[in-house]
Amino acid sequence: MNHWKPADVHIVNHGSIVLFHLNTAEATQWVKENVTKEAQYFGTALVVEPRYVEALIVGMAGDGLEVRG
């Protein structure tokens, strides 16, 4: 039986912005602990400028979150 589980974070690139869809409580908590309070959200997705994407992916993955794009 295939038990598909979504990644903790799913990234969607929209060109001038990148959305980090936070799919788990662990991902949401990570953002609360590691991203500035001035962060912007589109629904439950963290809005990220392209220049910060790589650092966020490295940090999230380094702390054990599964990040897919």
Protein backbone atom coordinates (compact mmCIF):
# COMPACT_ATOMS: atom_id res chain seq x y z
CA MET A 1 0.00 0.00 0.00
CA ASN A 2 1.35 3.45 -0.96
CA HIS A 3 1.08 6.00 1.86
CA TRP A 4 1.97 9.25 0.13
CA LYS A 5 3.01 12.01 2.52
CA PRO A 6 3.42 15.61 1.36
CA ALA A 7 6.74 17.32 1.95
CA ASP A 8 6.98 19.59 4.97
CA VAL A 9 7.49 22.48 2.56
CA HIS A 10 6.46 22.71 -1.09
CA ILE A 11 8.09 25.51 -3.08
CA VAL A 12 6.39 27.21 -6.04
CA ASN A 13 8.37 29.76 -8.04
CA HIS A 14 6.29 32.60 -9.46
CA GLY A 15 9.22 34.58 -10.85
CA SER A 16 9.40 37.74 -8.75
CA ILE A 17 8.25 35.87 -5.64
CA VAL A 18 8.56 32.31 -4.41
CA LEU A 19 5.92 30.70 -2.20
CA PHE A 20 6.97 28.27 0.51
CA HIS A 21 3.81 26.29 1.28
CA LEU A 22 4.09 25.13 4.88
CA ASN A 23 2.39 21.72 4.98
CA THR A 24 3.23 20.59 8.50
CA ALA A 25 3.25 21.99 12.01
CA GLU A 26 7.01 21.38 12.07
CA ALA A 27 7.53 23.62 9.03
CA THR A 28 5.33 26.35 10.50
CA GLN A 29 7.22 26.19 13.79
CA TRP A 30 10.56 26.33 11.99
CA VAL A 31 9.52 29.52 10.21
CA LYS A 32 8.34 31.09 13.49
CA GLU A 33 11.72 30.34 15.05
CA ASN A 34 13.98 31.22 12.11
CA VAL A 35 12.32 33.86 9.93
CA THR A 36 11.86 37.53 10.79
CA LYS A 37 8.55 38.61 12.29
CA GLU A 38 8.07 40.98 9.32
CA ALA A 39 7.66 38.00 6.98
CA GLN A 40 4.80 38.17 4.51
CA TYR A 41 2.31 35.39 3.89
CA PHE A 42 -0.10 34.53 1.09
CA GLY A 43 -2.62 32.39 2.92
CA THR A 44 -0.46 29.88 4.76
CA ALA A 45 2.45 30.18 2.31
CA LEU A 46 5.55 32.16 3.21
CA VAL A 47 6.33 34.73 0.52
CA VAL A 48 10.06 34.81 -0.26
CA GLU A 49 12.18 36.99 -2.53
CA PRO A 50 14.27 34.85 -4.91
CA ARG A 51 17.56 35.99 -3.32
CA TYR A 52 16.61 34.29 -0.01
CA VAL A 53 15.35 30.98 -1.41
CA GLU A 54 18.62 29.03 -1.34
CA ALA A 55 19.43 30.01 2.26
CA LEU A 56 15.95 29.01 3.42
CA ILE A 57 16.12 25.65 1.67
CA VAL A 58 19.55 24.93 3.17
CA GLY A 59 18.37 25.92 6.66
CA MET A 60 15.14 23.97 6.51
CA ALA A 61 16.73 20.84 5.07
CA GLY A 62 19.61 21.12 7.51
CA ASP A 63 17.12 21.01 10.36
CA GLY A 64 15.44 17.89 8.99
CA LEU A 65 12.50 19.30 7.05
CA GLU A 66 11.66 17.76 3.69
CA VAL A 67 11.59 20.50 1.07
CA ARG A 68 10.32 19.87 -2.49
CA GLY A 69 9.91 22.22 -5.38
